[in-house]
Amino acid sequence: MSSIRTLAAVAAFPIILGGCVSGADYAGREAGFSAVSTTTRSAIAKDAVWVQNQQQAKALSAQTKALLSREKSLDVDTAVQIALLNNKGLQAAYADLGDSAADAWQATMLLNPTASVGLKGIGTPELEAFRTIEGALTANILALMTKKRDIALADTRFRQAQLNAAVATLRLAADTRRAWITAVAADENVTQLQRAQTAADAASELAEKLGETGAMAKGGQAREHAFAAELAGDAAKARLAARLAKEELTRLLGLWGSDMEYRIPNRLPPLPKAIAKRDTIETDALRNRIDLKVARLELEASAQSYGLTEATRYVTDLELTTGLEAERSREDGAKKVDFTGSADIGFAIPIFDSGKARMRKAELAYMRSANRLAEKAVNIRSEARAAYQAYRSSLDIARHYRNNVVPLRAKVEEQSLLTYNGMITNTFELLTDTREKINATLQSVNAKRDFWLAEANLAPAIYGGGSSSGSSETAAAGSGE
């Protein structure tokens, strides 16, 4: 009697899921971006675009060049819009959103089965008549059992990625606005210092001539020369600061080559006539801050991850092998085929690792997320209050310089000019008063800059996208006066 045994594999998978899960929400090329665009538009009233192909890139390049009109200076709103359209770092952040969408899409798919085929009885003459071909398909049951939880966790991470993309957009907008304010204020400072330099050079030249005639001592001449030299150094530093500030703005705009020839205004906008009321700024921040929503989703993801860990605490791997064995034999010249089903199951025995350590780590991850969420809520309240206090006080300070200090210095200079014309005061007293007036004007410019920086920090305090450097920039600006 001779027989040949054949094992034919069949796809016999248990139906664990209640129904088919669709990945259509994650499969699009711009999956999730509409929510990002809507969120950012409501916060900053600017459009964000996710560049997906060369045609879009060319269209946005043309739009950027149109916005960079050489006929007028670049205002702050146009600068923000150009940054959102042209900054490549922002496009990289949007690619992270695409990665998360792909991960969520992958989570909705069933795992591919593993196929194996074997042949027994090769090279053994006494077993040639009993050569066996075996095949099998294997599937991971554990992955099917936790499929719904995996999808829920992937969806939570996807929603986090959407919010993170929105935060990146708001941060770029806020950074661009602050960079524009700093660059324009730096140009205005250069203008004022150039005026002061003219007065100092005139005083230094006059001191030298008077010294030649013996009408002025060498000590007085040295003081005037030293002041003119120091002011020349200050003017040079101001010009450097202006160039660096514009370079920072250029980087955020994503410009290079001939596009760098854009112009910005030489002075900041005037102070507003009325102050913006923000009596509910804490409530607004808690309701609208995107980074707080990200922290809430992190807590949700930790809870989902904790549930997955608990579900798989004892069973770390579980596989089911199913198949169908067909045995073909010949007896008394007649062929006979017998079919036999087979199934094998394999799993790890939790003798040494009971899963308690993994449960503890999952529990700590949840507690960490909960405490960070609570901390974030407290910090957001404080940041909102601080942002409004800086806005309100900066406006008062800027108005004080504009309405009191500068007019008084101008009046002192005017009276000094009258007494000089009447031969009551000398030239150096007049030049000193002129320098003091220019000094007051510089302080007024810096105070106005600090106000507009504080105003630019209001929106990030309410919606998110601010950075720790925002408040420090304002403080540093004030300390450098």
Protein backbone atom coordinates (compact mmCIF):
# COMPACT_ATOMS: atom_id res chain seq x y z
CA MET A 1 0.00 0.00 0.00
CA SER A 2 1.30 3.41 -0.82
CA SER A 3 -0.15 6.75 0.21
CA ILE A 4 0.58 10.43 -0.27
CA ARG A 5 -0.57 12.87 2.48
CA THR A 6 -1.26 16.49 1.66
CA LEU A 7 -2.04 19.26 4.17
CA ALA A 8 -4.00 22.09 2.49
CA ALA A 9 -4.19 25.39 4.39
CA VAL A 10 -7.46 27.24 4.71
CA ALA A 11 -8.21 30.79 5.88
CA ALA A 12 -10.26 30.12 8.97
CA PHE A 13 -10.17 33.25 11.16
CA PRO A 14 -12.55 33.85 14.07
CA ILE A 15 -14.88 36.79 13.68
CA ILE A 16 -13.94 38.82 16.75
CA LEU A 17 -14.98 42.29 15.62
CA GLY A 18 -18.65 43.14 15.59
CA GLY A 19 -18.37 44.65 12.12
CA CYS A 20 -15.99 46.10 9.58
CA VAL A 21 -14.08 49.23 10.62
CA SER A 22 -13.54 51.76 7.86
CA GLY A 23 -10.35 53.77 7.52
CA ALA A 24 -11.89 56.28 5.10
CA ASP A 25 -11.56 59.10 7.64
CA TYR A 26 -7.78 58.63 7.69
CA ALA A 27 -7.11 57.61 4.09
CA GLY A 28 -7.31 61.01 2.36
CA ARG A 29 -4.17 62.90 1.40
CA GLU A 30 -5.28 65.80 3.61
CA ALA A 31 -6.89 63.68 6.32
CA GLY A 32 -7.70 65.82 9.35
CA PHE A 33 -6.35 69.06 7.89
CA SER A 34 -9.76 70.68 7.44
CA ALA A 35 -10.14 70.74 11.24
CA VAL A 36 -6.68 72.32 11.56
CA SER A 37 -7.50 74.98 8.98
CA THR A 38 -10.87 75.80 10.57
CA THR A 39 -9.39 76.04 14.07
CA THR A 40 -6.55 78.35 13.08
CA ARG A 41 -8.74 80.53 10.85
CA SER A 42 -11.14 81.19 13.72
CA ALA A 43 -8.23 82.18 15.97
CA ILE A 44 -6.07 84.34 13.65
CA ALA A 45 -8.29 84.92 10.58
CA LYS A 46 -5.59 83.60 8.25
CA ASP A 47 -5.52 80.71 5.79
CA ALA A 48 -3.23 77.71 6.18
CA VAL A 49 -2.46 75.37 3.28
CA TRP A 50 -0.98 71.88 3.26
CA VAL A 51 1.17 71.58 0.15
CA GLN A 52 0.75 68.11 -1.36
CA ASN A 53 2.11 68.39 -4.88
CA GLN A 54 4.22 70.51 -7.19
CA GLN A 55 1.24 72.33 -8.67
CA GLN A 56 0.19 73.56 -5.23
CA ALA A 57 3.75 74.60 -4.46
CA LYS A 58 3.96 76.66 -7.65
CA ALA A 59 0.59 78.30 -6.99
CA LEU A 60 1.60 79.26 -3.44
CA SER A 61 4.94 80.59 -4.68
CA ALA A 62 3.12 82.86 -7.11
CA GLN A 63 0.73 83.97 -4.36
CA THR A 64 3.67 84.76 -2.08
CA LYS A 65 5.37 86.87 -4.73
CA ALA A 66 2.12 88.76 -5.28
CA LEU A 67 1.89 89.51 -1.56
CA LEU A 68 5.50 90.70 -1.55
CA SER A 69 4.67 93.71 -3.66
CA ARG A 70 7.63 96.06 -4.06
CA GLU A 71 5.27 99.03 -4.29
CA LYS A 72 4.38 99.07 -0.60
CA SER A 73 5.82 98.07 2.74
CA LEU A 74 4.99 94.69 4.22
CA ASP A 75 2.38 95.05 6.96
CA VAL A 76 2.07 92.63 9.85
CA ASP A 77 -1.04 90.80 8.63
CA THR A 78 0.48 90.18 5.20
CA ALA A 79 3.67 88.95 6.85
CA VAL A 80 1.72 86.41 8.91
CA GLN A 81 -0.15 85.18 5.84
CA ILE A 82 3.08 84.77 3.85
CA ALA A 83 4.63 82.78 6.70
CA LEU A 84 1.65 80.41 6.81
CA LEU A 85 1.89 79.84 3.06
CA ASN A 86 5.65 79.70 2.64
CA ASN A 87 7.28 78.39 5.83
CA LYS A 88 8.67 74.90 5.17
CA GLY A 89 8.94 74.02 8.85
CA LEU A 90 5.17 74.36 9.10
CA GLN A 91 4.77 71.98 6.17
CA ALA A 92 6.97 69.50 8.05
CA ALA A 93 4.59 69.77 11.03
CA TYR A 94 1.69 69.00 8.71
CA ALA A 95 3.58 65.90 7.54
CA ASP A 96 3.52 64.71 11.16
CA LEU A 97 -0.27 64.94 10.94
CA GLY A 98 -0.13 62.78 7.82
CA ASP A 99 1.96 60.20 9.68
CA SER A 100 -0.62 60.02 12.46
CA ALA A 101 -3.44 59.64 9.93
CA ALA A 102 -1.55 56.79 8.28
CA ASP A 103 -1.05 55.12 11.67
CA ALA A 104 -4.77 55.41 12.42
CA TRP A 105 -5.59 54.06 8.97
CA GLN A 106 -3.24 51.13 9.56
CA ALA A 107 -4.92 50.41 12.90
CA THR A 108 -8.28 49.87 11.15
CA MET A 109 -6.83 47.08 9.01
CA LEU A 110 -6.74 43.43 10.01
CA LEU A 111 -3.30 41.95 10.42
CA ASN A 112 -2.10 39.91 7.47
CA PRO A 113 -2.08 36.15 8.14
CA THR A 114 1.20 34.26 8.07
CA ALA A 115 1.43 31.41 5.57
CA SER A 116 3.80 28.46 5.91
CA VAL A 117 4.41 25.46 3.64
CA GLY A 118 6.44 22.33 4.47
CA LEU A 119 7.49 19.18 2.65
CA LYS A 120 8.41 16.02 4.51
CA GLY A 121 10.02 12.78 3.27
CA ILE A 122 12.60 14.38 0.95
CA GLY A 123 15.82 12.43 0.45
CA THR A 124 14.68 9.44 2.47
CA PRO A 125 14.06 6.50 0.13
CA GLU A 126 12.08 4.46 2.65
CA LEU A 127 9.67 7.42 3.11
CA GLU A 128 9.31 8.35 -0.57
CA ALA A 129 5.92 6.66 -0.67
CA PHE A 130 4.81 8.75 2.31
CA ARG A 131 5.99 12.16 1.17
CA THR A 132 3.91 14.87 2.87
CA ILE A 133 3.24 18.49 1.86
CA GLU A 134 1.93 20.66 4.72
CA GLY A 135 0.68 24.23 4.64
CA ALA A 136 -0.80 26.49 7.28
CA LEU A 137 -2.16 30.00 7.88
CA THR A 138 -1.67 31.62 11.28
CA ALA A 139 -3.36 34.63 12.80
CA ASN A 140 -2.76 36.57 16.00
CA ILE A 141 -5.95 36.24 18.04
CA LEU A 142 -4.81 38.77 20.64
CA ALA A 143 -4.58 41.49 17.99
CA LEU A 144 -8.16 40.74 16.94
CA MET A 145 -9.39 40.75 20.53
CA THR A 146 -7.94 44.23 21.18
CA LYS A 147 -8.69 45.66 17.73
CA LYS A 148 -11.36 48.11 18.84
CA ARG A 149 -9.18 49.49 21.61
CA ASP A 150 -6.24 49.82 19.25
CA ILE A 151 -8.39 51.80 16.83
CA ALA A 152 -9.70 54.04 19.62
CA LEU A 153 -6.16 54.76 20.81
CA ALA A 154 -4.96 55.46 17.27
CA ASP A 155 -7.90 57.83 16.74
CA THR A 156 -7.04 59.70 19.94
CA ARG A 157 -3.45 60.08 18.78
CA PHE A 158 -4.73 61.29 15.43
CA ARG A 159 -6.86 63.98 17.10
CA GLN A 160 -3.81 64.97 19.13
CA ALA A 161 -1.82 65.32 15.92
CA GLN A 162 -4.53 67.59 14.51
CA LEU A 163 -4.33 69.85 17.55
CA ASN A 164 -0.52 69.81 17.50
CA ALA A 165 -0.61 70.92 13.85
CA ALA A 166 -2.96 73.75 14.83
CA VAL A 167 -0.62 74.76 17.67
CA ALA A 168 2.33 74.81 15.26
CA THR A 169 0.33 77.07 12.93
CA LEU A 170 -0.61 79.48 15.72
CA ARG A 171 2.95 79.52 17.03
CA LEU A 172 4.34 80.45 13.63
CA ALA A 173 1.75 83.22 13.29
CA ALA A 174 2.62 84.61 16.75
CA ASP A 175 6.37 84.37 16.17
CA THR A 176 6.02 86.15 12.82
CA ARG A 177 3.94 88.93 14.35
CA ARG A 178 6.50 89.46 17.11
CA ALA A 179 9.38 89.36 14.63
CA TRP A 180 7.69 92.00 12.45
CA ILE A 181 7.14 94.28 15.47
CA THR A 182 10.76 93.86 16.60
CA ALA A 183 12.13 94.54 13.10
CA VAL A 184 10.04 97.67 12.58
CA ALA A 185 10.89 99.00 16.05
CA ALA A 186 14.58 98.38 15.36
CA ASP A 187 14.35 100.44 12.17
CA GLU A 188 12.61 103.24 14.06
CA ASN A 189 15.38 103.19 16.67
CA VAL A 190 17.98 103.51 13.93
CA THR A 191 16.20 106.60 12.60
CA GLN A 192 16.12 108.24 16.02
CA LEU A 193 19.77 107.42 16.76
CA GLN A 194 20.82 108.86 13.42
CA ARG A 195 19.16 112.12 14.41
CA ALA A 196 20.96 112.04 17.75
CA GLN A 197 24.22 111.29 15.94
CA THR A 198 23.79 114.41 13.83
CA ALA A 199 23.43 116.53 16.98
CA ALA A 200 26.40 114.84 18.66
CA ASP A 201 28.63 115.30 15.62
CA ALA A 202 27.69 118.98 15.49
CA ALA A 203 28.57 119.41 19.17
CA SER A 204 31.88 117.56 18.74
CA GLU A 205 32.82 119.67 15.73
CA LEU A 206 31.92 122.89 17.53
CA ALA A 207 33.93 121.82 20.59
CA GLU A 208 36.98 121.23 18.43
CA LYS A 209 36.72 124.69 16.83
CA LEU A 210 36.24 126.38 20.18
CA GLY A 211 39.22 124.48 21.52
CA GLU A 212 41.35 125.81 18.69
CA THR A 213 40.45 129.35 19.71
CA GLY A 214 41.00 128.62 23.39
CA ALA A 215 37.35 129.22 24.28
CA MET A 216 36.83 125.67 25.55
CA ALA A 217 38.96 123.56 27.86
CA LYS A 218 40.31 120.22 26.72
CA GLY A 219 38.19 118.39 29.29
CA GLY A 220 35.01 119.80 27.80
CA GLN A 221 36.17 118.96 24.31
CA ALA A 222 36.94 115.36 25.36
CA ARG A 223 33.45 114.96 26.85
CA GLU A 224 31.78 116.03 23.62
CA HIS A 225 34.07 113.83 21.52
CA ALA A 226 33.45 110.84 23.83
CA PHE A 227 29.69 111.31 23.68
CA ALA A 228 29.77 111.48 19.88
CA ALA A 229 31.94 108.36 19.72
CA GLU A 230 29.69 106.43 22.12
CA LEU A 231 26.62 107.46 20.17
CA ALA A 232 28.27 106.29 16.96
CA GLY A 233 28.79 102.90 18.58
CA ASP A 234 25.16 102.81 19.73
CA ALA A 235 23.98 103.66 16.23
CA ALA A 236 26.13 100.89 14.75
CA LYS A 237 24.70 98.38 17.23
CA ALA A 238 21.19 99.57 16.40
CA ARG A 239 21.80 99.07 12.68
CA LEU A 240 23.11 95.58 13.36
CA ALA A 241 20.09 94.80 15.54
CA ALA A 242 17.80 96.02 12.76
CA ARG A 243 19.49 93.79 10.19
CA LEU A 244 19.35 90.76 12.48
CA ALA A 245 15.70 91.42 13.34
CA LYS A 246 14.81 91.55 9.67
CA GLU A 247 16.76 88.33 9.08
CA GLU A 248 14.69 86.66 11.79
CA LEU A 249 11.53 87.82 10.06
CA THR A 250 12.88 86.62 6.72
CA ARG A 251 13.52 83.14 8.14
CA LEU A 252 9.99 82.88 9.47
CA LEU A 253 8.63 84.02 6.11
CA GLY A 254 10.69 81.33 4.40
CA LEU A 255 12.16 83.80 1.90
CA TRP A 256 15.46 83.74 0.04
CA GLY A 257 17.06 85.19 -3.07
CA SER A 258 15.37 88.18 -4.67
CA ASP A 259 12.35 87.84 -2.38
CA MET A 260 14.52 89.15 0.47
CA GLU A 261 14.31 92.65 -1.01
CA TYR A 262 10.92 93.28 0.61
CA ARG A 263 10.46 96.48 2.61
CA ILE A 264 8.93 96.98 6.03
CA PRO A 265 7.59 100.23 7.54
CA ASN A 266 10.05 102.52 9.29
CA ARG A 267 7.79 103.05 12.29
CA LEU A 268 5.28 101.10 14.34
CA PRO A 269 1.54 101.83 14.17
CA PRO A 270 0.24 104.45 16.60
CA LEU A 271 -1.13 103.37 19.95
CA PRO A 272 -4.84 102.44 19.99
CA LYS A 273 -7.32 104.96 21.31
CA ALA A 274 -9.19 102.40 23.41
CA ILE A 275 -7.99 99.38 25.32
CA ALA A 276 -9.37 95.93 24.56
CA LYS A 277 -11.49 94.57 27.41
CA ARG A 278 -10.58 91.06 28.50
CA ASP A 279 -12.57 90.58 31.69
CA THR A 280 -13.09 86.88 30.94
CA ILE A 281 -9.64 86.12 29.59
CA GLU A 282 -9.11 83.20 32.01
CA THR A 283 -12.38 81.58 30.98
CA ASP A 284 -11.66 82.23 27.31
CA ALA A 285 -8.22 80.65 27.65
CA LEU A 286 -9.53 77.54 29.41
CA ARG A 287 -12.18 77.14 26.74
CA ASN A 288 -10.01 77.81 23.69
CA ARG A 289 -6.41 76.84 24.49
CA ILE A 290 -5.46 74.13 22.03
CA ASP A 291 -2.53 72.88 24.09
CA LEU A 292 -4.95 72.22 26.97
CA LYS A 293 -7.05 70.11 24.61
CA VAL A 294 -3.91 68.23 23.65
CA ALA A 295 -3.25 67.51 27.34
CA ARG A 296 -6.82 66.26 27.76
CA LEU A 297 -6.37 63.90 24.83
CA GLU A 298 -3.10 62.72 26.33
CA LEU A 299 -4.99 61.79 29.48
CA GLU A 300 -7.58 60.01 27.35
CA ALA A 301 -4.85 58.14 25.47
CA SER A 302 -3.22 57.14 28.77
CA ALA A 303 -6.54 55.76 29.98
CA GLN A 304 -6.98 53.81 26.75
CA SER A 305 -3.43 52.52 26.94
CA TYR A 306 -4.02 51.50 30.56
CA GLY A 307 -7.08 49.51 29.45
CA LEU A 308 -5.07 47.75 26.76
CA THR A 309 -2.36 46.85 29.25
CA GLU A 310 -4.95 45.44 31.63
CA ALA A 311 -6.57 43.42 28.84
CA THR A 312 -3.24 41.87 27.87
CA ARG A 313 -1.81 41.52 31.36
CA TYR A 314 -1.53 37.72 31.38
CA VAL A 315 -1.59 36.84 27.69
CA THR A 316 1.28 38.42 25.80
CA ASP A 317 1.04 36.32 22.65
CA LEU A 318 -1.67 34.08 21.32
CA GLU A 319 -1.67 32.43 17.92
CA LEU A 320 -4.09 30.02 16.30
CA THR A 321 -3.06 27.70 13.48
CA THR A 322 -5.85 26.14 11.46
CA GLY A 323 -5.63 23.77 8.55
CA LEU A 324 -7.13 20.88 6.67
CA GLU A 325 -5.23 17.63 6.13
CA ALA A 326 -5.98 15.51 3.09
CA GLU A 327 -4.65 11.93 3.00
CA ARG A 328 -4.77 10.15 -0.32
CA SER A 329 -4.21 6.37 -0.41
CA ARG A 330 -4.58 3.42 -2.81
CA GLU A 331 -5.98 0.08 -1.69
CA ASP A 332 -6.67 -2.83 -4.03
CA GLY A 333 -6.35 -0.51 -7.01
CA ALA A 334 -8.94 1.95 -5.66
CA LYS A 335 -8.08 5.54 -4.73
CA LYS A 336 -9.25 6.89 -1.36
CA VAL A 337 -8.98 10.41 0.11
CA ASP A 338 -9.56 11.17 3.80
CA PHE A 339 -9.83 14.76 5.14
CA THR A 340 -8.90 15.70 8.70
CA GLY A 341 -9.15 19.17 10.28
CA SER A 342 -6.37 20.48 12.51
CA ALA A 343 -5.91 23.38 14.90
CA ASP A 344 -3.01 24.41 17.12
CA ILE A 345 -2.88 27.16 19.71
CA GLY A 346 0.20 28.64 21.37
CA PHE A 347 0.58 31.19 24.15
CA ALA A 348 3.04 32.37 26.77
CA ILE A 349 2.59 31.07 30.32
CA PRO A 350 2.82 33.95 32.88
CA ILE A 351 5.06 32.16 35.36
CA PHE A 352 7.79 34.74 35.73
CA ASP A 353 6.14 37.89 34.35
CA SER A 354 2.65 38.32 35.80
CA GLY A 355 2.18 41.70 34.14
CA LYS A 356 2.21 43.67 37.40
CA ALA A 357 5.18 45.77 36.33
CA ARG A 358 3.50 46.73 33.06
CA MET A 359 0.28 47.54 34.94
CA ARG A 360 2.22 49.78 37.34
CA LYS A 361 3.90 51.63 34.46
CA ALA A 362 0.52 52.15 32.77
CA GLU A 363 -0.96 53.41 36.03
CA LEU A 364 1.91 55.85 36.52
CA ALA A 365 1.58 57.07 32.93
CA TYR A 366 -2.08 57.84 33.59
CA MET A 367 -1.29 59.65 36.85
CA ARG A 368 1.45 61.62 35.10
CA SER A 369 -0.95 62.75 32.38
CA ALA A 370 -3.61 63.70 34.95
CA ASN A 371 -1.18 65.84 36.95
CA ARG A 372 0.21 67.50 33.84
CA LEU A 373 -3.31 68.35 32.73
CA ALA A 374 -4.04 69.93 36.11
CA GLU A 375 -0.75 71.84 35.99
CA LYS A 376 -1.51 73.00 32.45
CA ALA A 377 -4.89 74.38 33.53
CA VAL A 378 -3.30 76.34 36.40
CA ASN A 379 -0.52 77.67 34.18
CA ILE A 380 -2.93 78.71 31.45
CA ARG A 381 -4.92 80.80 33.92
CA SER A 382 -1.73 82.49 35.07
CA GLU A 383 -0.46 83.04 31.53
CA ALA A 384 -3.76 84.62 30.52
CA ARG A 385 -3.72 86.97 33.50
CA ALA A 386 -0.06 87.87 32.93
CA ALA A 387 -0.64 88.51 29.22
CA TYR A 388 -3.49 90.93 29.91
CA GLN A 389 -1.59 92.67 32.72
CA ALA A 390 1.38 93.16 30.41
CA TYR A 391 -0.93 94.46 27.68
CA ARG A 392 -2.72 96.89 29.99
CA SER A 393 0.39 98.18 31.75
CA SER A 394 2.45 98.45 28.56
CA LEU A 395 -0.23 100.63 27.03
CA ASP A 396 -0.23 102.92 30.08
CA ILE A 397 3.57 103.20 29.97
CA ALA A 398 3.64 103.87 26.23
CA ARG A 399 0.95 106.53 26.58
CA HIS A 400 2.90 108.12 29.44
CA TYR A 401 5.99 108.52 27.27
CA ARG A 402 3.95 109.73 24.32
CA ASN A 403 1.73 112.17 26.25
CA ASN A 404 4.08 113.39 28.99
CA VAL A 405 7.80 112.63 28.65
CA VAL A 406 8.29 113.41 24.96
CA PRO A 407 6.18 116.64 24.99
CA LEU A 408 8.02 117.88 28.08
CA ARG A 409 11.41 117.21 26.49
CA ALA A 410 10.24 118.93 23.33
CA LYS A 411 9.17 121.94 25.39
CA VAL A 412 12.54 122.03 27.15
CA GLU A 413 14.30 121.99 23.79
CA GLU A 414 12.00 124.72 22.46
CA GLN A 415 12.70 126.98 25.44
CA SER A 416 16.40 126.27 25.16
CA LEU A 417 16.31 127.33 21.53
CA LEU A 418 14.55 130.58 22.45
CA THR A 419 17.09 131.43 25.16
CA TYR A 420 19.90 130.50 22.78
CA ASN A 421 18.54 132.91 20.20
CA GLY A 422 18.40 135.51 22.94
CA MET A 423 22.07 134.85 23.79
CA ILE A 424 21.05 133.62 27.27
CA THR A 425 22.20 129.99 26.95
CA ASN A 426 25.16 128.61 25.05
CA THR A 427 25.31 126.12 22.20
CA PHE A 428 26.21 123.15 24.36
CA GLU A 429 23.18 123.57 26.58
CA LEU A 430 20.99 123.62 23.49
CA LEU A 431 22.64 120.49 22.08
CA THR A 432 22.29 118.75 25.44
CA ASP A 433 18.57 119.47 25.57
CA THR A 434 18.22 118.25 21.98
CA ARG A 435 19.96 114.99 22.86
CA GLU A 436 17.70 114.53 25.88
CA LYS A 437 14.64 114.97 23.70
CA ILE A 438 15.92 112.33 21.26
CA ASN A 439 16.61 110.06 24.22
CA ALA A 440 13.03 110.44 25.39
CA THR A 441 11.84 109.70 21.86
CA LEU A 442 13.87 106.48 21.84
CA GLN A 443 12.32 105.44 25.15
CA SER A 444 8.90 106.19 23.71
CA VAL A 445 9.61 104.00 20.69
CA ASN A 446 10.73 101.17 22.93
CA ALA A 447 7.65 101.54 25.11
CA LYS A 448 5.44 101.42 22.03
CA ARG A 449 7.30 98.33 20.83
CA ASP A 450 6.75 96.65 24.22
CA PHE A 451 3.04 97.39 23.99
CA TRP A 452 2.65 95.87 20.53
CA LEU A 453 4.62 92.81 21.65
CA ALA A 454 2.29 92.48 24.64
CA GLU A 455 -0.70 92.87 22.33
CA ALA A 456 0.71 90.15 20.06
CA ASN A 457 0.92 87.83 23.08
CA LEU A 458 -2.79 88.13 23.88
CA ALA A 459 -3.99 85.76 21.15
CA PRO A 460 -1.48 83.00 22.05
CA ALA A 461 -2.55 83.32 25.69
CA ILE A 462 -6.16 82.65 24.67
CA TYR A 463 -5.76 80.16 21.82
CA GLY A 464 -2.28 78.71 22.28
CA GLY A 465 0.81 78.76 20.13
CA GLY A 466 2.77 81.04 22.39
CA SER A 467 6.30 80.29 23.55
CA SER A 468 8.21 80.84 26.74
CA SER A 469 10.40 83.31 24.88
CA GLY A 470 7.44 85.61 24.23
CA SER A 471 7.37 87.25 27.64
CA SER A 472 11.14 87.16 28.00
CA GLU A 473 11.52 89.00 24.71
CA THR A 474 9.40 91.84 26.03
CA ALA A 475 11.30 91.94 29.30
CA ALA A 476 14.63 91.90 27.51
CA ALA A 477 13.47 94.65 25.21
CA GLY A 478 12.54 96.81 28.17
CA SER A 479 15.80 96.17 30.01
CA GLY A 480 17.83 97.16 26.98
CA GLU A 481 16.55 100.71 26.83
